[in-house]
Amino acid sequence: MDLTEAYRECERITWSQARNFAYGIRLLPPAKRRGLAAIYAFARRIDDIGDGTMPAEQKVADLGQARRAVLDLGAAGPPNAASTPNAASTPSAAGPLPASGPADPVLIALAAVQRDFPVPMEAFSELIDGCVADVRGTSYETFDDLLWYCRCVAGSIGRLSLGIFGTRPNARHAAELADSLGVALQITNILRDIREDYASGRVYLPAEDLAKFEVDPAALAAPDPSAMAGLARLIEFEAERARDWYATGLRLLPMLDRRSAACTGAMAGIYRRLLERIAAQPAAVLHGRMSLSGREKAMVAVKALAGRIP
């Protein structure tokens, strides 16, 4: 398989699986769009292992294999110029394809990304740490405990994305802001998925917060009128916490070029609008997964492209 086909497969995975992120990724110029699609495709693979039906120990073993695969990419040579899209304009337009296996388009594309962009591949290891915690059924006593998890599974993606976007001066501060935005997105995910996570044996909301608002974790499984008042207060409390993380994380946008800022703004805008919908209708999260319509997501993306933070 050549690199063009490998990138095409990553984009297929992204467009079919990334219900929200795809609206932002499509706003990037071709080289960055392909690069971020490759990152998403591998992150999706990691998530699918963690959420799959295999025994826990097999999941942990497969996650370990994924960790070795991505960290080993640095040992391979740069991709083949003849198979690289727009090869003359890319930094890695020479050398053979990495020995990642002809049947693995995602690793082929990711190896090219690793050589064309300053992407911190070790951040994938943090994502895997978070997925291992999921497999082990880790729960969180305090928000500081949950913060570790959010930074693993979402902040890591923000830092990987920065390698594709590039930043203006102070890359370290940009990484901190990307991390904060990831925390905001993950809190939103947690609130959206309360019911299905509980059904899978996962409770992400900190135990200290559940106790503060007198919410029994069992109340997360289905609507219970007697528990709704406390649950509504809990969700509003977590939503306000997420708003603070959005306010910090969105300060990243002026540090990015126009199209990268639009991509980030679209993704954050979709999730922030979803957060406000959840906060307005807290009981709805127990009836099914809440989401925005395709039209609403597209409108957020258009505003982001116009430079308006949604």
Protein backbone atom coordinates (compact mmCIF):
# COMPACT_ATOMS: atom_id res chain seq x y z
CA MET A 1 0.00 0.00 0.00
CA ASP A 2 1.39 3.42 -0.90
CA LEU A 3 1.16 6.52 1.24
CA THR A 4 -1.64 8.12 -0.78
CA GLU A 5 -3.84 5.08 -0.17
CA ALA A 6 -2.86 5.01 3.51
CA TYR A 7 -3.91 8.63 4.02
CA ARG A 8 -7.11 7.98 2.11
CA GLU A 9 -7.98 5.17 4.53
CA CYS A 10 -7.30 7.41 7.53
CA GLU A 11 -9.61 10.05 6.10
CA ARG A 12 -12.28 7.42 5.48
CA ILE A 13 -12.08 6.38 9.15
CA THR A 14 -12.22 10.00 10.26
CA TRP A 15 -15.19 11.01 8.11
CA SER A 16 -17.17 7.91 9.12
CA GLN A 17 -16.33 7.84 12.85
CA ALA A 18 -15.54 11.40 14.00
CA ARG A 19 -19.04 12.69 14.55
CA ASN A 20 -17.87 16.06 15.87
CA PHE A 21 -14.17 16.39 15.11
CA ALA A 22 -14.65 15.89 11.37
CA TYR A 23 -16.36 19.27 11.08
CA GLY A 24 -13.18 20.97 12.28
CA ILE A 25 -10.67 18.72 10.50
CA ARG A 26 -12.28 19.45 7.13
CA LEU A 27 -11.38 23.14 7.55
CA LEU A 28 -7.64 22.42 7.40
CA PRO A 29 -5.51 22.64 4.25
CA PRO A 30 -4.79 19.23 2.64
CA ALA A 31 -1.45 18.34 4.26
CA LYS A 32 -2.65 19.22 7.77
CA ARG A 33 -6.01 17.58 7.14
CA ARG A 34 -4.32 14.32 6.17
CA GLY A 35 -2.00 14.52 9.16
CA LEU A 36 -4.76 15.09 11.69
CA ALA A 37 -6.85 12.34 10.11
CA ALA A 38 -3.96 9.91 10.66
CA ILE A 39 -3.75 10.97 14.32
CA TYR A 40 -7.50 10.55 14.72
CA ALA A 41 -7.47 7.12 13.05
CA PHE A 42 -4.84 5.77 15.44
CA ALA A 43 -6.56 7.34 18.46
CA ARG A 44 -9.78 5.71 17.27
CA ARG A 45 -8.02 2.35 17.15
CA ILE A 46 -6.91 2.80 20.76
CA ASP A 47 -10.44 3.75 21.85
CA ASP A 48 -11.93 0.78 20.01
CA ILE A 49 -9.61 -1.60 21.85
CA GLY A 50 -10.59 -0.11 25.19
CA ASP A 51 -14.32 -0.17 24.38
CA GLY A 52 -14.32 -3.60 22.74
CA THR A 53 -15.76 -6.88 24.00
CA MET A 54 -12.51 -8.77 24.60
CA PRO A 55 -11.45 -9.85 28.11
CA ALA A 56 -9.73 -7.11 30.08
CA GLU A 57 -6.30 -8.71 30.01
CA GLN A 58 -6.47 -9.09 26.22
CA LYS A 59 -7.39 -5.42 25.92
CA VAL A 60 -4.43 -4.43 28.08
CA ALA A 61 -2.13 -6.62 25.96
CA ASP A 62 -3.47 -5.10 22.72
CA LEU A 63 -3.08 -1.60 24.13
CA GLY A 64 0.51 -2.46 24.99
CA GLN A 65 1.06 -3.60 21.42
CA ALA A 66 -0.40 -0.33 20.13
CA ARG A 67 1.92 1.59 22.45
CA ARG A 68 4.98 -0.26 21.13
CA ALA A 69 3.87 0.24 17.53
CA VAL A 70 3.55 4.01 17.79
CA LEU A 71 6.69 4.52 19.86
CA ASP A 72 8.67 2.38 17.41
CA LEU A 73 7.80 4.63 14.47
CA GLY A 74 10.86 6.78 15.12
CA ALA A 75 13.11 3.90 14.11
CA ALA A 76 11.74 3.80 10.54
CA GLY A 77 13.00 5.84 7.62
CA PRO A 78 11.04 8.64 5.92
CA PRO A 79 8.30 7.75 3.43
CA ASN A 80 8.78 7.24 -0.28
CA ALA A 81 8.75 10.44 -2.35
CA ALA A 82 6.95 8.74 -5.22
CA SER A 83 4.03 7.80 -2.99
CA THR A 84 3.84 10.96 -0.89
CA PRO A 85 1.03 13.39 -1.82
CA ASN A 86 2.63 16.68 -2.92
CA ALA A 87 5.98 15.06 -2.15
CA ALA A 88 8.02 17.95 -3.49
CA SER A 89 6.59 20.25 -0.84
CA THR A 90 6.96 17.91 2.14
CA PRO A 91 10.02 17.61 4.38
CA SER A 92 10.17 13.81 4.11
CA ALA A 93 10.25 13.46 0.34
CA ALA A 94 12.92 10.78 0.27
CA GLY A 95 13.60 7.27 1.50
CA PRO A 96 11.57 4.06 1.85
CA LEU A 97 8.28 3.55 3.60
CA PRO A 98 8.60 2.41 7.23
CA ALA A 99 8.44 -1.30 7.96
CA SER A 100 5.06 -1.07 9.67
CA GLY A 101 3.40 -3.73 7.56
CA PRO A 102 1.69 -3.37 4.17
CA ALA A 103 -1.70 -4.19 5.68
CA ASP A 104 -1.64 -1.33 8.19
CA PRO A 105 -2.45 1.94 6.43
CA VAL A 106 -2.85 3.85 9.69
CA LEU A 107 0.72 3.15 10.82
CA ILE A 108 2.06 3.91 7.34
CA ALA A 109 0.33 7.30 7.40
CA LEU A 110 1.30 7.95 11.01
CA ALA A 111 4.96 7.27 10.25
CA ALA A 112 4.82 9.93 7.54
CA VAL A 113 3.18 12.34 9.97
CA GLN A 114 5.90 11.66 12.51
CA ARG A 115 8.50 12.72 9.96
CA ASP A 116 6.65 15.63 8.36
CA PHE A 117 5.41 17.33 11.53
CA PRO A 118 6.83 17.89 15.05
CA VAL A 119 4.16 15.68 16.60
CA PRO A 120 4.91 14.42 20.16
CA MET A 121 4.16 10.75 19.51
CA GLU A 122 4.74 9.97 23.19
CA ALA A 123 1.38 11.65 23.86
CA PHE A 124 -0.25 8.54 22.40
CA SER A 125 1.22 6.68 25.35
CA GLU A 126 -0.75 8.96 27.69
CA LEU A 127 -3.92 8.24 25.73
CA ILE A 128 -3.22 4.54 26.17
CA ASP A 129 -2.67 5.04 29.91
CA GLY A 130 -6.16 6.54 30.09
CA CYS A 131 -7.67 3.64 28.15
CA VAL A 132 -5.94 1.13 30.42
CA ALA A 133 -7.54 2.95 33.37
CA ASP A 134 -10.92 2.47 31.66
CA VAL A 135 -10.26 -1.24 31.18
CA ARG A 136 -9.27 -1.58 34.83
CA GLY A 137 -12.52 0.15 35.88
CA THR A 138 -10.73 3.01 37.61
CA SER A 139 -12.97 5.42 39.50
CA TYR A 140 -12.08 8.90 40.70
CA GLU A 141 -12.37 10.15 44.25
CA THR A 142 -11.57 13.81 43.60
CA PHE A 143 -11.55 16.16 40.65
CA ASP A 144 -7.76 16.20 40.75
CA ASP A 145 -7.88 12.43 40.19
CA LEU A 146 -10.24 12.91 37.25
CA LEU A 147 -8.04 15.69 35.90
CA TRP A 148 -5.25 13.16 35.37
CA TYR A 149 -7.59 11.04 33.27
CA CYS A 150 -8.88 14.00 31.23
CA ARG A 151 -5.34 15.08 30.42
CA CYS A 152 -4.47 11.54 29.36
CA VAL A 153 -7.38 10.91 27.01
CA ALA A 154 -8.14 14.42 25.74
CA GLY A 155 -5.25 16.72 26.56
CA SER A 156 -2.99 14.28 24.75
CA ILE A 157 -5.00 14.71 21.55
CA GLY A 158 -4.72 18.48 21.87
CA ARG A 159 -0.94 18.26 22.15
CA LEU A 160 -0.73 15.85 19.21
CA SER A 161 -2.88 18.24 17.17
CA LEU A 162 -0.58 21.15 17.99
CA GLY A 163 2.20 19.29 16.20
CA ILE A 164 0.07 19.42 13.05
CA PHE A 165 -1.12 22.99 13.52
CA GLY A 166 2.14 24.62 14.51
CA THR A 167 2.07 27.52 16.98
CA ARG A 168 3.38 31.02 17.22
CA PRO A 169 5.92 31.82 19.96
CA ASN A 170 5.71 30.05 23.32
CA ALA A 171 4.94 26.49 22.27
CA ARG A 172 5.02 25.36 25.90
CA HIS A 173 2.19 27.71 26.85
CA ALA A 174 0.25 26.62 23.75
CA ALA A 175 0.55 23.01 24.91
CA GLU A 176 -0.82 23.97 28.33
CA LEU A 177 -3.80 25.70 26.71
CA ALA A 178 -4.41 22.72 24.42
CA ASP A 179 -4.39 20.54 27.51
CA SER A 180 -6.98 22.79 29.17
CA LEU A 181 -9.22 22.69 26.13
CA GLY A 182 -8.97 18.90 26.14
CA VAL A 183 -10.11 18.85 29.78
CA ALA A 184 -13.16 20.94 28.84
CA LEU A 185 -14.05 18.61 25.99
CA GLN A 186 -13.67 15.53 28.17
CA ILE A 187 -15.87 16.88 30.95
CA THR A 188 -18.50 17.51 28.28
CA ASN A 189 -18.12 13.93 27.06
CA ILE A 190 -18.47 12.61 30.59
CA LEU A 191 -21.71 14.52 31.15
CA ARG A 192 -23.11 13.45 27.79
CA ASP A 193 -22.32 9.76 28.34
CA ILE A 194 -23.32 9.39 32.01
CA ARG A 195 -25.90 6.69 31.37
CA GLU A 196 -24.01 4.52 28.89
CA ASP A 197 -20.80 4.76 30.92
CA TYR A 198 -22.63 3.57 34.02
CA ALA A 199 -24.06 0.66 32.02
CA SER A 200 -20.46 -0.24 31.08
CA GLY A 201 -19.40 -0.18 34.71
CA ARG A 202 -17.71 3.22 34.55
CA VAL A 203 -18.42 6.22 36.76
CA TYR A 204 -16.21 9.18 35.91
CA LEU A 205 -17.85 11.85 38.06
CA PRO A 206 -15.72 12.31 41.18
CA ALA A 207 -17.05 10.50 44.25
CA GLU A 208 -16.66 13.68 46.30
CA ASP A 209 -18.99 15.52 43.89
CA LEU A 210 -21.58 12.73 43.94
CA ALA A 211 -21.53 12.89 47.74
CA LYS A 212 -21.71 16.70 47.80
CA PHE A 213 -24.95 16.67 45.81
CA GLU A 214 -26.27 13.48 47.43
CA VAL A 215 -26.42 11.56 44.16
CA ASP A 216 -26.28 7.78 44.40
CA PRO A 217 -24.28 6.42 41.41
CA ALA A 218 -27.16 4.02 40.76
CA ALA A 219 -29.29 7.06 39.87
CA LEU A 220 -27.10 7.50 36.78
CA ALA A 221 -28.61 4.40 35.22
CA ALA A 222 -32.15 5.65 34.59
CA PRO A 223 -34.48 8.55 35.38
CA ASP A 224 -35.52 8.64 39.04
CA PRO A 225 -37.71 11.62 39.97
CA SER A 226 -36.51 11.54 43.58
CA ALA A 227 -32.89 11.93 42.48
CA MET A 228 -33.33 14.48 39.70
CA ALA A 229 -32.92 17.62 41.81
CA GLY A 230 -29.51 16.54 43.09
CA LEU A 231 -28.44 15.28 39.68
CA ALA A 232 -29.42 18.56 38.05
CA ARG A 233 -27.34 20.51 40.57
CA LEU A 234 -24.43 18.13 40.04
CA ILE A 235 -24.54 18.51 36.26
CA GLU A 236 -24.71 22.30 36.52
CA PHE A 237 -21.74 22.23 38.90
CA GLU A 238 -19.68 20.14 36.46
CA ALA A 239 -20.85 22.26 33.51
CA GLU A 240 -19.65 25.42 35.24
CA ARG A 241 -16.31 23.72 35.84
CA ALA A 242 -16.12 22.86 32.14
CA ARG A 243 -16.95 26.46 31.18
CA ASP A 244 -13.90 27.62 33.12
CA TRP A 245 -11.70 25.14 31.26
CA TYR A 246 -13.14 26.28 27.92
CA ALA A 247 -12.43 29.91 28.82
CA THR A 248 -8.80 29.02 29.47
CA GLY A 249 -8.36 26.63 26.55
CA LEU A 250 -9.84 28.92 23.92
CA ARG A 251 -7.02 31.38 24.55
CA LEU A 252 -5.06 29.01 22.33
CA LEU A 253 -6.80 30.20 19.16
CA PRO A 254 -4.85 33.47 18.65
CA MET A 255 -1.64 31.43 18.77
CA LEU A 256 -2.67 29.39 15.70
CA ASP A 257 -2.83 30.20 12.00
CA ARG A 258 -6.27 31.02 10.61
CA ARG A 259 -7.23 27.54 9.36
CA SER A 260 -5.87 25.75 12.42
CA ALA A 261 -7.72 28.19 14.68
CA ALA A 262 -10.89 27.55 12.68
CA CYS A 263 -10.46 23.79 13.08
CA THR A 264 -9.94 24.10 16.82
CA GLY A 265 -12.73 26.65 17.21
CA ALA A 266 -15.19 24.45 15.33
CA MET A 267 -14.47 21.39 17.45
CA ALA A 268 -14.56 23.35 20.71
CA GLY A 269 -17.64 25.29 19.61
CA ILE A 270 -19.60 22.11 18.89
CA TYR A 271 -18.76 20.67 22.28
CA ARG A 272 -19.38 23.92 24.12
CA ARG A 273 -22.81 24.25 22.53
CA LEU A 274 -23.52 20.64 23.51
CA LEU A 275 -22.46 21.43 27.08
CA GLU A 276 -24.99 24.26 27.28
CA ARG A 277 -27.71 21.96 25.97
CA ILE A 278 -26.88 19.41 28.66
CA ALA A 279 -26.84 22.09 31.36
CA ALA A 280 -30.26 23.32 30.21
CA GLN A 281 -31.77 19.81 30.15
CA PRO A 282 -29.84 17.71 32.70
CA ALA A 283 -32.46 14.96 32.88
CA ALA A 284 -32.10 14.32 29.15
CA VAL A 285 -28.69 12.67 29.59
CA LEU A 286 -30.47 9.76 31.29
CA HIS A 287 -32.78 9.22 28.31
CA GLY A 288 -30.13 8.90 25.60
CA ARG A 289 -27.04 10.47 24.09
CA MET A 290 -27.52 14.17 23.42
CA SER A 291 -26.03 15.70 20.30
CA LEU A 292 -26.28 18.60 17.88
CA SER A 293 -27.78 18.17 14.44
CA GLY A 294 -25.53 18.08 11.41
CA ARG A 295 -26.87 21.48 10.41
CA GLU A 296 -25.98 22.98 13.80
CA LYS A 297 -22.47 21.53 13.63
CA ALA A 298 -21.99 22.91 10.13
CA MET A 299 -23.11 26.36 11.28
CA VAL A 300 -20.57 26.29 14.11
CA ALA A 301 -17.84 25.32 11.62
CA VAL A 302 -18.78 28.17 9.27
CA LYS A 303 -18.63 30.68 12.12
CA ALA A 304 -15.25 29.31 13.17
CA LEU A 305 -13.92 29.67 9.65
CA ALA A 306 -15.08 33.28 9.69
CA GLY A 307 -13.04 33.85 12.83
CA ARG A 308 -15.96 33.94 15.22
CA ILE A 309 -15.48 31.82 18.32
CA PRO A 310 -18.75 29.85 18.51
